[in-house]
């Protein structure tokens, strides 16, 4: 966060002391919550196996509203045995060292079905999202407006200046997006059609690239089945006159009695390779490690997914998922994952990936234990 924004943030906090008697209740009644995360990762490549263990803390607070204004913040830390040159999913900073970061520090005001947030914050949009796949997620320094005044409609606008987190080059600090120009995001989601949701998004990085994204989802169910389909379209237009067009289709069917759901997803790229930009990316065929970006120019991918909800045999909170990600160049990725919610505060997850590429291959295992408080 730049110095001017930090100064403004603390001046607001100091200025409200003139209303100490009233505002003491605001802070005394603040919401405080958090999460402890124990993470383990094993990465095997070229017959060499490396392991990492980390303990992460997420500590969040948010005051109650005072004249529609709230103050909030979230501290993230990651501590463990980071090793220089480690090639797995980043658990630590850019030099694989322990770190702590004030990932969120914001002022929030809600009025007339509109929420305005200024400062460091978390949100999830197609090309800028939290992507919480390691110890510390992506967060953004931005001015964001969310409006829900229109029936069944959400309008999202954000002026984003900086970011940090698992997908950034320097996870331990906030770095500029598109120099001083930042990025503008405009999105509209509509749920007013029966069983159908529609999303449209536009991103502008001045003098660099504009991105357009559309998605439509249809879901329905009978007494025995769930089923649906999704369509997506993305156009990434660079100032260098290069562009990437992406088409996507996904179809799923679930058998309620068995707790099984199978999904087949397909993406096709026209032009240069598609980019995920500031997060994990929205493409239907993105796997744990290989994404549509790795398919390259004129690429295409098929993703087969099988999910099983073990509550059908009486084990509540246990789920399994398996992915097979097939690239046109015969690269493959196999993912096998599980999640188990022991209770409302403790949960476990694990994901094993076997990745084959033309010039590379590796196996990656990540295990997490979370305790929310």
Foldseek 3Di string as FASTA:
>chain_A
DDPVLVVVLVVVVVVCCVVVVVCVQQVVPKDKKKKWKWKKKWKDWPNDIDIWIKIKIKIKIKTDDDVQKIWIWIKMWIATDFDAPDDDQQQDWLRRHTAMAGQFTWMWGDDQQKIWIAAKAADDDQQAHQQPPYRGTKIFGWIKMWHDNDPQKIKIKIFTFWMAGRPDNTNRDTDGDLPRRGKIKIKMWGDPDPQKIKIWMWMDNPQFKIKIKIKMKGWDADPFKIWIKMWMWMWIQTNVRFIKIKIKIKIKMDTVLFQKMKMKMKMWIATFFDDSHHYQHDHPQRDPPDGSNVLTHRKMKIKIKMKGQCCSVPQPQKMKMWMWIAIPVRKIKIKIKMKGDPDPFKIKMKIWMWTDDPVITMIMIMIMIMGMD
